[in-house]
């Protein structure tokens, strides 16, 4: 009889324990950090835009379990039909960061890359006077209400 009472007390606790473990996992894997000195994730503060772009493809493909690197692009009149999306919408597009793209990137002081096509897993590189001055990493596996 005592054995059945113990089982009856333990069984209802199992879902709560499972939920607590899952929440702990989400909390432990959450990243929200900014680096302004030294380096992080394979990037080095103070590197030029060219040097950063040159290493970005390889570095970004090794962060986490990434299945692809994406950038956000705004649909233009020229790309509207090709992308089957109306003008002024933004899309995440997978990139390979080949050398042909450096000119467009060099014009911007903020580069944002998304992993696996998700806004919840990204890295942002900020440049000050054409040198990398900030690395911001954000990752969460859940959406807050």
C-alpha atoms as a PDB file:
ATOM      1  CA  UNK A   1       0.000   0.000   0.000  1.00  0.00           C
ATOM      2  CA  UNK A   2       2.810   2.434   0.859  1.00  0.00           C
ATOM      3  CA  UNK A   3       4.404   1.655  -2.484  1.00  0.00           C
ATOM      4  CA  UNK A   4       1.260   2.721  -4.371  1.00  0.00           C
ATOM      5  CA  UNK A   5       1.075   5.937  -2.376  1.00  0.00           C
ATOM      6  CA  UNK A   6       4.669   6.795  -3.363  1.00  0.00           C
ATOM      7  CA  UNK A   7       3.862   6.140  -7.018  1.00  0.00           C
ATOM      8  CA  UNK A   8       0.739   8.276  -6.789  1.00  0.00           C
ATOM      9  CA  UNK A   9       2.833  11.114  -5.354  1.00  0.00           C
ATOM     10  CA  UNK A  10       5.646  10.820  -7.929  1.00  0.00           C
ATOM     11  CA  UNK A  11       3.600  10.430 -11.134  1.00  0.00           C
ATOM     12  CA  UNK A  12       1.931  13.892 -10.983  1.00  0.00           C
ATOM     13  CA  UNK A  13       5.339  15.499 -10.369  1.00  0.00           C
ATOM     14  CA  UNK A  14       6.866  14.113 -13.594  1.00  0.00           C
ATOM     15  CA  UNK A  15       5.334  16.714 -15.953  1.00  0.00           C
ATOM     16  CA  UNK A  16       6.428  19.526 -13.641  1.00  0.00           C
ATOM     17  CA  UNK A  17       9.971  18.135 -13.506  1.00  0.00           C
ATOM     18  CA  UNK A  18      10.060  17.812 -17.312  1.00  0.00           C
ATOM     19  CA  UNK A  19       8.838  21.390 -17.737  1.00  0.00           C
ATOM     20  CA  UNK A  20      11.408  22.653 -15.232  1.00  0.00           C
ATOM     21  CA  UNK A  21      14.209  20.847 -17.092  1.00  0.00           C
ATOM     22  CA  UNK A  22      13.042  22.295 -20.430  1.00  0.00           C
ATOM     23  CA  UNK A  23      12.854  25.837 -19.040  1.00  0.00           C
ATOM     24  CA  UNK A  24      16.327  25.403 -17.549  1.00  0.00           C
ATOM     25  CA  UNK A  25      17.628  24.313 -20.957  1.00  0.00           C
ATOM     26  CA  UNK A  26      16.104  27.369 -22.644  1.00  0.00           C
ATOM     27  CA  UNK A  27      17.565  29.665 -20.006  1.00  0.00           C
ATOM     28  CA  UNK A  28      21.032  28.050 -20.221  1.00  0.00           C
ATOM     29  CA  UNK A  29      21.177  28.370 -24.017  1.00  0.00           C
ATOM     30  CA  UNK A  30      19.994  31.998 -24.140  1.00  0.00           C
ATOM     31  CA  UNK A  31      22.646  34.446 -25.395  1.00  0.00           C
ATOM     32  CA  UNK A  32      22.373  38.229 -25.356  1.00  0.00           C
ATOM     33  CA  UNK A  33      25.809  39.788 -25.198  1.00  0.00           C
ATOM     34  CA  UNK A  34      27.751  42.700 -26.616  1.00  0.00           C
ATOM     35  CA  UNK A  35      31.541  42.615 -27.052  1.00  0.00           C
ATOM     36  CA  UNK A  36      33.496  45.862 -27.495  1.00  0.00           C
ATOM     37  CA  UNK A  37      37.015  44.750 -26.551  1.00  0.00           C
ATOM     38  CA  UNK A  38      39.115  41.844 -27.742  1.00  0.00           C
ATOM     39  CA  UNK A  39      37.138  39.474 -29.884  1.00  0.00           C
ATOM     40  CA  UNK A  40      34.387  36.901 -29.941  1.00  0.00           C
ATOM     41  CA  UNK A  41      32.912  34.249 -32.213  1.00  0.00           C
ATOM     42  CA  UNK A  42      35.981  34.358 -34.463  1.00  0.00           C
ATOM     43  CA  UNK A  43      35.866  38.120 -35.025  1.00  0.00           C
ATOM     44  CA  UNK A  44      38.381  40.633 -33.693  1.00  0.00           C
ATOM     45  CA  UNK A  45      37.529  44.165 -32.576  1.00  0.00           C
ATOM     46  CA  UNK A  46      39.606  46.624 -34.631  1.00  0.00           C
ATOM     47  CA  UNK A  47      39.652  44.552 -37.824  1.00  0.00           C
ATOM     48  CA  UNK A  48      38.889  46.383 -41.071  1.00  0.00           C
ATOM     49  CA  UNK A  49      35.666  45.789 -42.967  1.00  0.00           C
ATOM     50  CA  UNK A  50      37.602  43.922 -45.649  1.00  0.00           C
ATOM     51  CA  UNK A  51      39.300  41.575 -43.164  1.00  0.00           C
ATOM     52  CA  UNK A  52      36.021  40.994 -41.330  1.00  0.00           C
ATOM     53  CA  UNK A  53      34.158  40.234 -44.552  1.00  0.00           C
ATOM     54  CA  UNK A  54      36.912  37.903 -45.707  1.00  0.00           C
ATOM     55  CA  UNK A  55      36.601  35.737 -42.614  1.00  0.00           C
ATOM     56  CA  UNK A  56      32.829  36.133 -42.083  1.00  0.00           C
ATOM     57  CA  UNK A  57      31.687  33.273 -44.310  1.00  0.00           C
ATOM     58  CA  UNK A  58      33.845  30.678 -42.592  1.00  0.00           C
ATOM     59  CA  UNK A  59      33.371  32.031 -39.082  1.00  0.00           C
ATOM     60  CA  UNK A  60      29.597  32.356 -39.313  1.00  0.00           C
ATOM     61  CA  UNK A  61      29.121  28.895 -40.792  1.00  0.00           C
ATOM     62  CA  UNK A  62      30.754  27.399 -37.694  1.00  0.00           C
ATOM     63  CA  UNK A  63      28.713  29.258 -35.074  1.00  0.00           C
ATOM     64  CA  UNK A  64      26.350  26.881 -33.360  1.00  0.00           C
ATOM     65  CA  UNK A  65      24.649  24.280 -35.485  1.00  0.00           C
ATOM     66  CA  UNK A  66      23.895  26.724 -38.250  1.00  0.00           C
ATOM     67  CA  UNK A  67      22.216  25.377 -41.368  1.00  0.00           C
ATOM     68  CA  UNK A  68      22.752  28.622 -43.226  1.00  0.00           C
ATOM     69  CA  UNK A  69      23.621  32.300 -42.989  1.00  0.00           C
ATOM     70  CA  UNK A  70      20.915  34.782 -43.927  1.00  0.00           C
ATOM     71  CA  UNK A  71      20.729  38.522 -44.468  1.00  0.00           C
ATOM     72  CA  UNK A  72      17.665  40.727 -44.564  1.00  0.00           C
ATOM     73  CA  UNK A  73      16.965  42.393 -47.928  1.00  0.00           C
ATOM     74  CA  UNK A  74      14.314  44.891 -48.920  1.00  0.00           C
ATOM     75  CA  UNK A  75      12.387  43.955 -52.055  1.00  0.00           C
ATOM     76  CA  UNK A  76      12.857  46.470 -54.888  1.00  0.00           C
ATOM     77  CA  UNK A  77      10.945  47.030 -58.115  1.00  0.00           C
ATOM     78  CA  UNK A  78      13.614  45.025 -59.956  1.00  0.00           C
ATOM     79  CA  UNK A  79      13.418  42.032 -57.607  1.00  0.00           C
ATOM     80  CA  UNK A  80       9.671  42.069 -56.906  1.00  0.00           C
ATOM     81  CA  UNK A  81       8.738  39.569 -59.614  1.00  0.00           C
ATOM     82  CA  UNK A  82      11.725  37.301 -59.033  1.00  0.00           C
ATOM     83  CA  UNK A  83      11.068  37.061 -55.292  1.00  0.00           C
ATOM     84  CA  UNK A  84       7.273  36.975 -55.723  1.00  0.00           C
ATOM     85  CA  UNK A  85       6.947  39.568 -52.985  1.00  0.00           C
ATOM     86  CA  UNK A  86       5.667  43.136 -53.088  1.00  0.00           C
ATOM     87  CA  UNK A  87       7.955  46.163 -53.013  1.00  0.00           C
ATOM     88  CA  UNK A  88       9.178  47.328 -49.585  1.00  0.00           C
ATOM     89  CA  UNK A  89       8.736  43.954 -47.909  1.00  0.00           C
ATOM     90  CA  UNK A  90      11.833  42.541 -46.223  1.00  0.00           C
ATOM     91  CA  UNK A  91      12.948  38.963 -46.687  1.00  0.00           C
ATOM     92  CA  UNK A  92      15.634  36.805 -45.164  1.00  0.00           C
ATOM     93  CA  UNK A  93      17.819  35.532 -47.981  1.00  0.00           C
ATOM     94  CA  UNK A  94      20.549  32.938 -47.618  1.00  0.00           C
ATOM     95  CA  UNK A  95      24.010  34.238 -48.469  1.00  0.00           C
ATOM     96  CA  UNK A  96      27.393  32.658 -49.153  1.00  0.00           C
ATOM     97  CA  UNK A  97      29.337  35.905 -48.599  1.00  0.00           C
ATOM     98  CA  UNK A  98      31.359  35.557 -51.793  1.00  0.00           C
ATOM     99  CA  UNK A  99      33.780  38.324 -52.721  1.00  0.00           C
ATOM    100  CA  UNK A 100      31.269  39.830 -55.189  1.00  0.00           C
ATOM    101  CA  UNK A 101      29.218  41.133 -52.247  1.00  0.00           C
ATOM    102  CA  UNK A 102      31.926  43.064 -50.428  1.00  0.00           C
ATOM    103  CA  UNK A 103      31.255  46.404 -52.134  1.00  0.00           C
ATOM    104  CA  UNK A 104      27.638  46.478 -50.930  1.00  0.00           C
ATOM    105  CA  UNK A 105      28.635  45.428 -47.403  1.00  0.00           C
ATOM    106  CA  UNK A 106      31.484  47.964 -47.250  1.00  0.00           C
ATOM    107  CA  UNK A 107      28.949  50.793 -47.660  1.00  0.00           C
ATOM    108  CA  UNK A 108      27.163  49.821 -44.410  1.00  0.00           C
ATOM    109  CA  UNK A 109      28.362  50.304 -40.840  1.00  0.00           C
ATOM    110  CA  UNK A 110      26.098  47.602 -39.407  1.00  0.00           C
ATOM    111  CA  UNK A 111      26.001  44.052 -40.701  1.00  0.00           C
ATOM    112  CA  UNK A 112      23.349  41.730 -39.362  1.00  0.00           C
ATOM    113  CA  UNK A 113      23.396  38.000 -40.028  1.00  0.00           C
ATOM    114  CA  UNK A 114      20.704  35.504 -39.102  1.00  0.00           C
ATOM    115  CA  UNK A 115      21.236  31.791 -38.580  1.00  0.00           C
ATOM    116  CA  UNK A 116      18.816  29.219 -39.948  1.00  0.00           C
ATOM    117  CA  UNK A 117      16.509  31.945 -41.241  1.00  0.00           C
ATOM    118  CA  UNK A 118      15.428  32.909 -37.726  1.00  0.00           C
ATOM    119  CA  UNK A 119      15.204  36.333 -36.104  1.00  0.00           C
ATOM    120  CA  UNK A 120      15.848  34.578 -32.780  1.00  0.00           C
ATOM    121  CA  UNK A 121      19.411  33.597 -33.688  1.00  0.00           C
ATOM    122  CA  UNK A 122      21.610  36.398 -35.010  1.00  0.00           C
ATOM    123  CA  UNK A 123      24.900  38.244 -34.844  1.00  0.00           C
ATOM    124  CA  UNK A 124      25.375  41.937 -35.584  1.00  0.00           C
ATOM    125  CA  UNK A 125      28.721  43.484 -36.457  1.00  0.00           C
ATOM    126  CA  UNK A 126      29.015  47.251 -35.992  1.00  0.00           C
ATOM    127  CA  UNK A 127      31.776  49.340 -37.533  1.00  0.00           C
ATOM    128  CA  UNK A 128      33.130  52.679 -36.335  1.00  0.00           C
ATOM    129  CA  UNK A 129      35.398  54.508 -38.777  1.00  0.00           C
ATOM    130  CA  UNK A 130      35.561  51.357 -40.956  1.00  0.00           C
ATOM    131  CA  UNK A 131      36.837  49.202 -38.064  1.00  0.00           C
ATOM    132  CA  UNK A 132      34.875  46.548 -36.206  1.00  0.00           C
ATOM    133  CA  UNK A 133      33.926  48.139 -32.900  1.00  0.00           C
ATOM    134  CA  UNK A 134      31.063  45.974 -31.606  1.00  0.00           C
ATOM    135  CA  UNK A 135      29.900  42.383 -31.839  1.00  0.00           C
ATOM    136  CA  UNK A 136      26.363  41.703 -30.660  1.00  0.00           C
ATOM    137  CA  UNK A 137      25.163  38.099 -30.363  1.00  0.00           C
ATOM    138  CA  UNK A 138      21.555  37.158 -29.727  1.00  0.00           C
ATOM    139  CA  UNK A 139      20.056  33.676 -29.511  1.00  0.00           C
ATOM    140  CA  UNK A 140      16.938  32.330 -27.901  1.00  0.00           C
ATOM    141  CA  UNK A 141      15.031  29.163 -28.619  1.00  0.00           C
ATOM    142  CA  UNK A 142      11.707  30.520 -27.435  1.00  0.00           C
ATOM    143  CA  UNK A 143       9.434  33.485 -27.966  1.00  0.00           C
ATOM    144  CA  UNK A 144       8.325  35.562 -25.033  1.00  0.00           C
ATOM    145  CA  UNK A 145       4.703  36.742 -25.003  1.00  0.00           C
END
